Amino acid sequence: MELLHTLAAKDERLARHLETSTVFSGFSNVIQNNLIAAIGDVVRYDIMEIIAAPFIAAEVDESTNVTNKSQIFAIMWLKARWLVK
């Protein structure tokens, strides 16, 4: 935050943004909670898209990386209702 405020001293647009932004306040616990809420909104939206989709495909895979740690990834494909003819 200190670096941002230092840069804002030279950049009027950045200073105005920092003063008027309602998304993040700059405190780590508030930023963390705001990020969790924002991610939750995206996940809820994605879930609603999945529920509304007539076709869904899911792919999940697991592999071990070079440090012998397990990694998992998931891919979700859906066909939006408005694309179905």
PDB file of N, CA and C in Angstrom:
ATOM      1  N   MET A   1       0.820  -1.190   0.000  1.00  0.00           N
ATOM      2  CA  MET A   1       0.000   0.000   0.000  1.00  0.00           C
ATOM      3  C   MET A   1       0.862   1.251   0.000  1.00  0.00           C
ATOM      4  N   GLU A   2       1.967   1.205   0.716  1.00  0.00           N
ATOM      5  CA  GLU A   2       2.827   2.390   0.771  1.00  0.00           C
ATOM      6  C   GLU A   2       3.359   2.730  -0.610  1.00  0.00           C
ATOM      7  N   LEU A   3       3.722   1.704  -1.383  1.00  0.00           N
ATOM      8  CA  LEU A   3       4.209   1.936  -2.731  1.00  0.00           C
ATOM      9  C   LEU A   3       3.114   2.551  -3.592  1.00  0.00           C
ATOM     10  N   LEU A   4       1.887   2.048  -3.457  1.00  0.00           N
ATOM     11  CA  LEU A   4       0.777   2.613  -4.218  1.00  0.00           C
ATOM     12  C   LEU A   4       0.563   4.083  -3.888  1.00  0.00           C
ATOM     13  N   HIS A   5       0.614   4.422  -2.613  1.00  0.00           N
ATOM     14  CA  HIS A   5       0.413   5.813  -2.224  1.00  0.00           C
ATOM     15  C   HIS A   5       1.574   6.701  -2.693  1.00  0.00           C
ATOM     16  N   THR A   6       2.775   6.153  -2.720  1.00  0.00           N
ATOM     17  CA  THR A   6       3.915   6.901  -3.240  1.00  0.00           C
ATOM     18  C   THR A   6       3.726   7.176  -4.727  1.00  0.00           C
ATOM     19  N   LEU A   7       3.283   6.148  -5.466  1.00  0.00           N
ATOM     20  CA  LEU A   7       3.022   6.338  -6.891  1.00  0.00           C
ATOM     21  C   LEU A   7       1.848   7.289  -7.111  1.00  0.00           C
ATOM     22  N   ALA A   8       0.857   7.226  -6.230  1.00  0.00           N
ATOM     23  CA  ALA A   8      -0.316   8.090  -6.360  1.00  0.00           C
ATOM     24  C   ALA A   8       0.045   9.557  -6.180  1.00  0.00           C
ATOM     25  N   ALA A   9       1.105   9.836  -5.445  1.00  0.00           N
ATOM     26  CA  ALA A   9       1.538  11.221  -5.267  1.00  0.00           C
ATOM     27  C   ALA A   9       1.956  11.846  -6.600  1.00  0.00           C
ATOM     28  N   LYS A  10       2.374  11.014  -7.561  1.00  0.00           N
ATOM     29  CA  LYS A  10       2.807  11.494  -8.874  1.00  0.00           C
ATOM     30  C   LYS A  10       1.756  11.276  -9.958  1.00  0.00           C
ATOM     31  N   ASP A  11       0.719  10.485  -9.648  1.00  0.00           N
ATOM     32  CA  ASP A  11      -0.287  10.132 -10.650  1.00  0.00           C
ATOM     33  C   ASP A  11      -1.683  10.487 -10.128  1.00  0.00           C
ATOM     34  N   GLU A  12      -2.258  11.528 -10.703  1.00  0.00           N
ATOM     35  CA  GLU A  12      -3.558  12.034 -10.235  1.00  0.00           C
ATOM     36  C   GLU A  12      -4.669  10.987 -10.398  1.00  0.00           C
ATOM     37  N   ARG A  13      -4.650  10.256 -11.519  1.00  0.00           N
ATOM     38  CA  ARG A  13      -5.693   9.248 -11.756  1.00  0.00           C
ATOM     39  C   ARG A  13      -5.627   8.132 -10.719  1.00  0.00           C
ATOM     40  N   LEU A  14      -4.410   7.676 -10.402  1.00  0.00           N
ATOM     41  CA  LEU A  14      -4.238   6.639  -9.391  1.00  0.00           C
ATOM     42  C   LEU A  14      -4.673   7.152  -8.029  1.00  0.00           C
ATOM     43  N   ALA A  15      -4.315   8.377  -7.701  1.00  0.00           N
ATOM     44  CA  ALA A  15      -4.706   8.958  -6.415  1.00  0.00           C
ATOM     45  C   ALA A  15      -6.226   9.038  -6.295  1.00  0.00           C
ATOM     46  N   ARG A  16      -6.886   9.473  -7.357  1.00  0.00           N
ATOM     47  CA  ARG A  16      -8.351   9.563  -7.346  1.00  0.00           C
ATOM     48  C   ARG A  16      -8.974   8.169  -7.196  1.00  0.00           C
ATOM     49  N   HIS A  17      -8.396   7.188  -7.893  1.00  0.00           N
ATOM     50  CA  HIS A  17      -8.902   5.823  -7.796  1.00  0.00           C
ATOM     51  C   HIS A  17      -8.769   5.283  -6.377  1.00  0.00           C
ATOM     52  N   LEU A  18      -7.608   5.499  -5.759  1.00  0.00           N
ATOM     53  CA  LEU A  18      -7.407   5.016  -4.392  1.00  0.00           C
ATOM     54  C   LEU A  18      -8.353   5.686  -3.401  1.00  0.00           C
ATOM     55  N   GLU A  19      -8.687   6.946  -3.645  1.00  0.00           N
ATOM     56  CA  GLU A  19      -9.597   7.665  -2.751  1.00  0.00           C
ATOM     57  C   GLU A  19     -11.044   7.238  -2.923  1.00  0.00           C
ATOM     58  N   THR A  20     -11.430   6.897  -4.145  1.00  0.00           N
ATOM     59  CA  THR A  20     -12.850   6.637  -4.412  1.00  0.00           C
ATOM     60  C   THR A  20     -13.189   5.159  -4.580  1.00  0.00           C
ATOM     61  N   SER A  21     -12.184   4.282  -4.639  1.00  0.00           N
ATOM     62  CA  SER A  21     -12.443   2.861  -4.856  1.00  0.00           C
ATOM     63  C   SER A  21     -13.241   2.277  -3.693  1.00  0.00           C
ATOM     64  N   THR A  22     -14.271   1.528  -4.028  1.00  0.00           N
ATOM     65  CA  THR A  22     -15.075   0.875  -2.995  1.00  0.00           C
ATOM     66  C   THR A  22     -14.813  -0.626  -2.951  1.00  0.00           C
ATOM     67  N   VAL A  23     -13.909  -1.122  -3.799  1.00  0.00           N
ATOM     68  CA  VAL A  23     -13.660  -2.560  -3.873  1.00  0.00           C
ATOM     69  C   VAL A  23     -12.697  -3.004  -2.776  1.00  0.00           C
ATOM     70  N   PHE A  24     -11.548  -2.357  -2.662  1.00  0.00           N
ATOM     71  CA  PHE A  24     -10.560  -2.745  -1.667  1.00  0.00           C
ATOM     72  C   PHE A  24     -10.195  -1.545  -0.805  1.00  0.00           C
ATOM     73  N   SER A  25     -10.089  -1.776   0.497  1.00  0.00           N
ATOM     74  CA  SER A  25      -9.751  -0.671   1.387  1.00  0.00           C
ATOM     75  C   SER A  25      -8.265  -0.584   1.662  1.00  0.00           C
ATOM     76  N   GLY A  26      -7.518  -1.655   1.449  1.00  0.00           N
ATOM     77  CA  GLY A  26      -6.089  -1.619   1.669  1.00  0.00           C
ATOM     78  C   GLY A  26      -5.632  -2.413   2.871  1.00  0.00           C
ATOM     79  N   PHE A  27      -6.527  -2.810   3.752  1.00  0.00           N
ATOM     80  CA  PHE A  27      -6.155  -3.605   4.911  1.00  0.00           C
ATOM     81  C   PHE A  27      -6.214  -5.079   4.518  1.00  0.00           C
ATOM     82  N   SER A  28      -5.210  -5.846   4.906  1.00  0.00           N
ATOM     83  CA  SER A  28      -5.079  -7.212   4.403  1.00  0.00           C
ATOM     84  C   SER A  28      -6.286  -8.080   4.724  1.00  0.00           C
ATOM     85  N   ASN A  29      -6.839  -7.977   5.942  1.00  0.00           N
ATOM     86  CA  ASN A  29      -7.998  -8.823   6.247  1.00  0.00           C
ATOM     87  C   ASN A  29      -9.222  -8.397   5.438  1.00  0.00           C
ATOM     88  N   VAL A  30      -9.348  -7.110   5.166  1.00  0.00           N
ATOM     89  CA  VAL A  30     -10.470  -6.627   4.353  1.00  0.00           C
ATOM     90  C   VAL A  30     -10.270  -7.058   2.902  1.00  0.00           C
ATOM     91  N   ILE A  31      -9.041  -6.930   2.392  1.00  0.00           N
ATOM     92  CA  ILE A  31      -8.748  -7.367   1.029  1.00  0.00           C
ATOM     93  C   ILE A  31      -9.033  -8.863   0.902  1.00  0.00           C
ATOM     94  N   GLN A  32      -8.583  -9.640   1.868  1.00  0.00           N
ATOM     95  CA  GLN A  32      -8.821 -11.084   1.839  1.00  0.00           C
ATOM     96  C   GLN A  32     -10.314 -11.381   1.809  1.00  0.00           C
ATOM     97  N   ASN A  33     -11.082 -10.747   2.659  1.00  0.00           N
ATOM     98  CA  ASN A  33     -12.527 -10.980   2.688  1.00  0.00           C
ATOM     99  C   ASN A  33     -13.197 -10.521   1.401  1.00  0.00           C
ATOM    100  N   ASN A  34     -12.746  -9.378   0.848  1.00  0.00           N
ATOM    101  CA  ASN A  34     -13.303  -8.905  -0.417  1.00  0.00           C
ATOM    102  C   ASN A  34     -12.982  -9.860  -1.561  1.00  0.00           C
ATOM    103  N   LEU A  35     -11.756 -10.387  -1.583  1.00  0.00           N
ATOM    104  CA  LEU A  35     -11.389 -11.341  -2.623  1.00  0.00           C
ATOM    105  C   LEU A  35     -12.210 -12.625  -2.498  1.00  0.00           C
ATOM    106  N   ILE A  36     -12.388 -13.103  -1.279  1.00  0.00           N
ATOM    107  CA  ILE A  36     -13.202 -14.304  -1.062  1.00  0.00           C
ATOM    108  C   ILE A  36     -14.625 -14.063  -1.536  1.00  0.00           C
ATOM    109  N   ALA A  37     -15.182 -12.896  -1.226  1.00  0.00           N
ATOM    110  CA  ALA A  37     -16.546 -12.569  -1.661  1.00  0.00           C
ATOM    111  C   ALA A  37     -16.618 -12.474  -3.187  1.00  0.00           C
ATOM    112  N   ALA A  38     -15.614 -11.852  -3.807  1.00  0.00           N
ATOM    113  CA  ALA A  38     -15.606 -11.721  -5.264  1.00  0.00           C
ATOM    114  C   ALA A  38     -15.496 -13.086  -5.935  1.00  0.00           C
ATOM    115  N   ILE A  39     -14.629 -13.939  -5.424  1.00  0.00           N
ATOM    116  CA  ILE A  39     -14.493 -15.286  -5.968  1.00  0.00           C
ATOM    117  C   ILE A  39     -15.790 -16.059  -5.766  1.00  0.00           C
ATOM    118  N   GLY A  40     -16.422 -15.886  -4.603  1.00  0.00           N
ATOM    119  CA  GLY A  40     -17.707 -16.532  -4.341  1.00  0.00           C
ATOM    120  C   GLY A  40     -18.769 -16.107  -5.343  1.00  0.00           C
ATOM    121  N   ASP A  41     -18.788 -14.822  -5.689  1.00  0.00           N
ATOM    122  CA  ASP A  41     -19.751 -14.333  -6.695  1.00  0.00           C
ATOM    123  C   ASP A  41     -19.530 -15.012  -8.036  1.00  0.00           C
ATOM    124  N   VAL A  42     -18.260 -15.132  -8.444  1.00  0.00           N
ATOM    125  CA  VAL A  42     -17.950 -15.775  -9.719  1.00  0.00           C
ATOM    126  C   VAL A  42     -18.353 -17.248  -9.688  1.00  0.00           C
ATOM    127  N   VAL A  43     -18.047 -17.932  -8.592  1.00  0.00           N
ATOM    128  CA  VAL A  43     -18.401 -19.347  -8.483  1.00  0.00           C
ATOM    129  C   VAL A  43     -19.918 -19.521  -8.513  1.00  0.00           C
ATOM    130  N   ARG A  44     -20.649 -18.671  -7.787  1.00  0.00           N
ATOM    131  CA  ARG A  44     -22.117 -18.757  -7.805  1.00  0.00           C
ATOM    132  C   ARG A  44     -22.661 -18.536  -9.216  1.00  0.00           C
ATOM    133  N   TYR A  45     -22.107 -17.571  -9.930  1.00  0.00           N
ATOM    134  CA  TYR A  45     -22.540 -17.308 -11.303  1.00  0.00           C
ATOM    135  C   TYR A  45     -22.265 -18.526 -12.177  1.00  0.00           C
ATOM    136  N   ASP A  46     -21.061 -19.102 -12.038  1.00  0.00           N
ATOM    137  CA  ASP A  46     -20.714 -20.288 -12.824  1.00  0.00           C
ATOM    138  C   ASP A  46     -21.637 -21.456 -12.503  1.00  0.00           C
ATOM    139  N   ILE A  47     -21.972 -21.631 -11.231  1.00  0.00           N
ATOM    140  CA  ILE A  47     -22.884 -22.705 -10.846  1.00  0.00           C
ATOM    141  C   ILE A  47     -24.252 -22.493 -11.480  1.00  0.00           C
ATOM    142  N   MET A  48     -24.721 -21.256 -11.501  1.00  0.00           N
ATOM    143  CA  MET A  48     -26.018 -20.979 -12.121  1.00  0.00           C
ATOM    144  C   MET A  48     -25.968 -21.276 -13.618  1.00  0.00           C
ATOM    145  N   GLU A  49     -24.834 -20.994 -14.284  1.00  0.00           N
ATOM    146  CA  GLU A  49     -24.684 -21.327 -15.700  1.00  0.00           C
ATOM    147  C   GLU A  49     -24.712 -22.840 -15.908  1.00  0.00           C
ATOM    148  N   ILE A  50     -24.047 -23.560 -15.031  1.00  0.00           N
ATOM    149  CA  ILE A  50     -24.017 -25.017 -15.138  1.00  0.00           C
ATOM    150  C   ILE A  50     -25.405 -25.601 -14.933  1.00  0.00           C
ATOM    151  N   ILE A  51     -26.130 -25.085 -13.946  1.00  0.00           N
ATOM    152  CA  ILE A  51     -27.489 -25.570 -13.690  1.00  0.00           C
ATOM    153  C   ILE A  51     -28.374 -25.324 -14.907  1.00  0.00           C
ATOM    154  N   ALA A  52     -28.207 -24.181 -15.558  1.00  0.00           N
ATOM    155  CA  ALA A  52     -29.053 -23.817 -16.692  1.00  0.00           C
ATOM    156  C   ALA A  52     -28.634 -24.508 -17.987  1.00  0.00           C
ATOM    157  N   ALA A  53     -27.432 -25.061 -18.039  1.00  0.00           N
ATOM    158  CA  ALA A  53     -26.928 -25.656 -19.282  1.00  0.00           C
ATOM    159  C   ALA A  53     -27.578 -27.006 -19.544  1.00  0.00           C
ATOM    160  N   PRO A  54     -27.997 -27.236 -20.785  1.00  0.00           N
ATOM    161  CA  PRO A  54     -28.585 -28.535 -21.107  1.00  0.00           C
ATOM    162  C   PRO A  54     -27.526 -29.635 -21.264  1.00  0.00           C
ATOM    163  N   PHE A  55     -26.262 -29.265 -21.561  1.00  0.00           N
ATOM    164  CA  PHE A  55     -25.192 -30.237 -21.735  1.00  0.00           C
ATOM    165  C   PHE A  55     -23.976 -29.796 -20.936  1.00  0.00           C
ATOM    166  N   ILE A  56     -23.357 -30.725 -20.219  1.00  0.00           N
ATOM    167  CA  ILE A  56     -22.182 -30.433 -19.406  1.00  0.00           C
ATOM    168  C   ILE A  56     -21.161 -31.552 -19.627  1.00  0.00           C
ATOM    169  N   ALA A  57     -19.890 -31.184 -19.720  1.00  0.00           N
ATOM    170  CA  ALA A  57     -18.808 -32.164 -19.769  1.00  0.00           C
ATOM    171  C   ALA A  57     -17.777 -31.763 -18.721  1.00  0.00           C
ATOM    172  N   ALA A  58     -17.280 -32.733 -17.995  1.00  0.00           N
ATOM    173  CA  ALA A  58     -16.278 -32.457 -16.964  1.00  0.00           C
ATOM    174  C   ALA A  58     -15.084 -33.372 -17.178  1.00  0.00           C
ATOM    175  N   GLU A  59     -13.902 -32.815 -17.001  1.00  0.00           N
ATOM    176  CA  GLU A  59     -12.671 -33.594 -17.086  1.00  0.00           C
ATOM    177  C   GLU A  59     -11.842 -33.268 -15.854  1.00  0.00           C
ATOM    178  N   VAL A  60     -11.434 -34.287 -15.142  1.00  0.00           N
ATOM    179  CA  VAL A  60     -10.611 -34.105 -13.947  1.00  0.00           C
ATOM    180  C   VAL A  60      -9.398 -35.007 -14.089  1.00  0.00           C
ATOM    181  N   ASP A  61      -8.227 -34.459 -13.796  1.00  0.00           N
ATOM    182  CA  ASP A  61      -7.006 -35.246 -13.926  1.00  0.00           C
ATOM    183  C   ASP A  61      -6.095 -34.940 -12.748  1.00  0.00           C
ATOM    184  N   GLU A  62      -5.290 -35.919 -12.393  1.00  0.00           N
ATOM    185  CA  GLU A  62      -4.341 -35.762 -11.299  1.00  0.00           C
ATOM    186  C   GLU A  62      -2.987 -36.210 -11.795  1.00  0.00           C
ATOM    187  N   SER A  63      -1.953 -35.487 -11.381  1.00  0.00           N
ATOM    188  CA  SER A  63      -0.590 -35.893 -11.726  1.00  0.00           C
ATOM    189  C   SER A  63       0.336 -35.492 -10.589  1.00  0.00           C
ATOM    190  N   THR A  64       1.526 -36.057 -10.618  1.00  0.00           N
ATOM    191  CA  THR A  64       2.531 -35.725  -9.617  1.00  0.00           C
ATOM    192  C   THR A  64       3.601 -34.870 -10.282  1.00  0.00           C
ATOM    193  N   ASN A  65       3.950 -33.746  -9.644  1.00  0.00           N
ATOM    194  CA  ASN A  65       4.959 -32.872 -10.244  1.00  0.00           C
ATOM    195  C   ASN A  65       6.362 -33.331  -9.863  1.00  0.00           C
ATOM    196  N   VAL A  66       7.378 -32.583 -10.270  1.00  0.00           N
ATOM    197  CA  VAL A  66       8.766 -32.989 -10.048  1.00  0.00           C
ATOM    198  C   VAL A  66       9.154 -33.028  -8.573  1.00  0.00           C
ATOM    199  N   THR A  67       8.416 -32.324  -7.723  1.00  0.00           N
ATOM    200  CA  THR A  67       8.716 -32.355  -6.285  1.00  0.00           C
ATOM    201  C   THR A  67       7.904 -33.424  -5.571  1.00  0.00           C
ATOM    202  N   ASN A  68       7.271 -34.314  -6.347  1.00  0.00           N
ATOM    203  CA  ASN A  68       6.479 -35.420  -5.828  1.00  0.00           C
ATOM    204  C   ASN A  68       5.227 -34.950  -5.085  1.00  0.00           C
ATOM    205  N   LYS A  69       4.712 -33.798  -5.493  1.00  0.00           N
ATOM    206  CA  LYS A  69       3.456 -33.290  -4.930  1.00  0.00           C
ATOM    207  C   LYS A  69       2.334 -33.544  -5.922  1.00  0.00           C
ATOM    208  N   SER A  70       1.216 -33.947  -5.401  1.00  0.00           N
ATOM    209  CA  SER A  70       0.071 -34.244  -6.243  1.00  0.00           C
ATOM    210  C   SER A  70      -0.597 -32.949  -6.690  1.00  0.00           C
ATOM    211  N   GLN A  71      -0.972 -32.899  -7.960  1.00  0.00           N
ATOM    212  CA  GLN A  71      -1.690 -31.755  -8.512  1.00  0.00           C
ATOM    213  C   GLN A  71      -2.952 -32.274  -9.171  1.00  0.00           C
ATOM    214  N   ILE A  72      -4.018 -31.530  -9.039  1.00  0.00           N
ATOM    215  CA  ILE A  72      -5.272 -31.911  -9.666  1.00  0.00           C
ATOM    216  C   ILE A  72      -5.814 -30.716 -10.437  1.00  0.00           C
ATOM    217  N   PHE A  73      -6.429 -30.989 -11.571  1.00  0.00           N
ATOM    218  CA  PHE A  73      -7.077 -29.905 -12.294  1.00  0.00           C
ATOM    219  C   PHE A  73      -8.422 -30.396 -12.788  1.00  0.00           C
ATOM    220  N   ALA A  74      -9.313 -29.443 -12.962  1.00  0.00           N
ATOM    221  CA  ALA A  74     -10.655 -29.759 -13.449  1.00  0.00           C
ATOM    222  C   ALA A  74     -11.004 -28.796 -14.568  1.00  0.00           C
ATOM    223  N   ILE A  75     -11.601 -29.341 -15.611  1.00  0.00           N
ATOM    224  CA  ILE A  75     -12.081 -28.538 -16.732  1.00  0.00           C
ATOM    225  C   ILE A  75     -13.572 -28.780 -16.852  1.00  0.00           C
ATOM    226  N   MET A  76     -14.331 -27.728 -16.973  1.00  0.00           N
ATOM    227  CA  MET A  76     -15.770 -27.838 -17.114  1.00  0.00           C
ATOM    228  C   MET A  76     -16.188 -27.194 -18.420  1.00  0.00           C
ATOM    229  N   TRP A  77     -16.857 -27.937 -19.267  1.00  0.00           N
ATOM    230  CA  TRP A  77     -17.392 -27.417 -20.520  1.00  0.00           C
ATOM    231  C   TRP A  77     -18.898 -27.445 -20.412  1.00  0.00           C
ATOM    232  N   LEU A  78     -19.529 -26.380 -20.853  1.00  0.00           N
ATOM    233  CA  LEU A  78     -20.980 -26.390 -20.863  1.00  0.00           C
ATOM    234  C   LEU A  78     -21.473 -25.705 -22.113  1.00  0.00           C
ATOM    235  N   LYS A  79     -22.645 -26.071 -22.513  1.00  0.00           N
ATOM    236  CA  LYS A  79     -23.258 -25.458 -23.684  1.00  0.00           C
ATOM    237  C   LYS A  79     -24.404 -24.610 -23.186  1.00  0.00           C
ATOM    238  N   ALA A  80     -24.293 -23.308 -23.391  1.00  0.00           N
ATOM    239  CA  ALA A  80     -25.320 -22.391 -22.910  1.00  0.00           C
ATOM    240  C   ALA A  80     -26.655 -22.671 -23.596  1.00  0.00           C
ATOM    241  N   ARG A  81     -27.714 -22.485 -22.871  1.00  0.00           N
ATOM    242  CA  ARG A  81     -29.062 -22.732 -23.382  1.00  0.00           C
ATOM    243  C   ARG A  81     -29.332 -21.932 -24.642  1.00  0.00           C
ATOM    244  N   TRP A  82     -28.825 -20.697 -24.724  1.00  0.00           N
ATOM    245  CA  TRP A  82     -29.104 -19.855 -25.879  1.00  0.00           C
ATOM    246  C   TRP A  82     -28.347 -20.298 -27.120  1.00  0.00           C
ATOM    247  N   LEU A  83     -27.369 -21.224 -26.964  1.00  0.00           N
ATOM    248  CA  LEU A  83     -26.654 -21.734 -28.125  1.00  0.00           C
ATOM    249  C   LEU A  83     -27.317 -22.986 -28.695  1.00  0.00           C
ATOM    250  N   VAL A  84     -28.163 -23.632 -27.909  1.00  0.00           N
ATOM    251  CA  VAL A  84     -28.807 -24.872 -28.326  1.00  0.00           C
ATOM    252  C   VAL A  84     -29.909 -24.558 -29.326  1.00  0.00           C
ATOM    253  N   LYS A  85     -29.921 -25.294 -30.419  1.00  0.00           N
ATOM    254  CA  LYS A  85     -30.955 -25.071 -31.435  1.00  0.00           C
ATOM    255  C   LYS A  85     -31.793 -26.305 -31.584  1.00  0.00           C
TER     256      LYS A  85
END
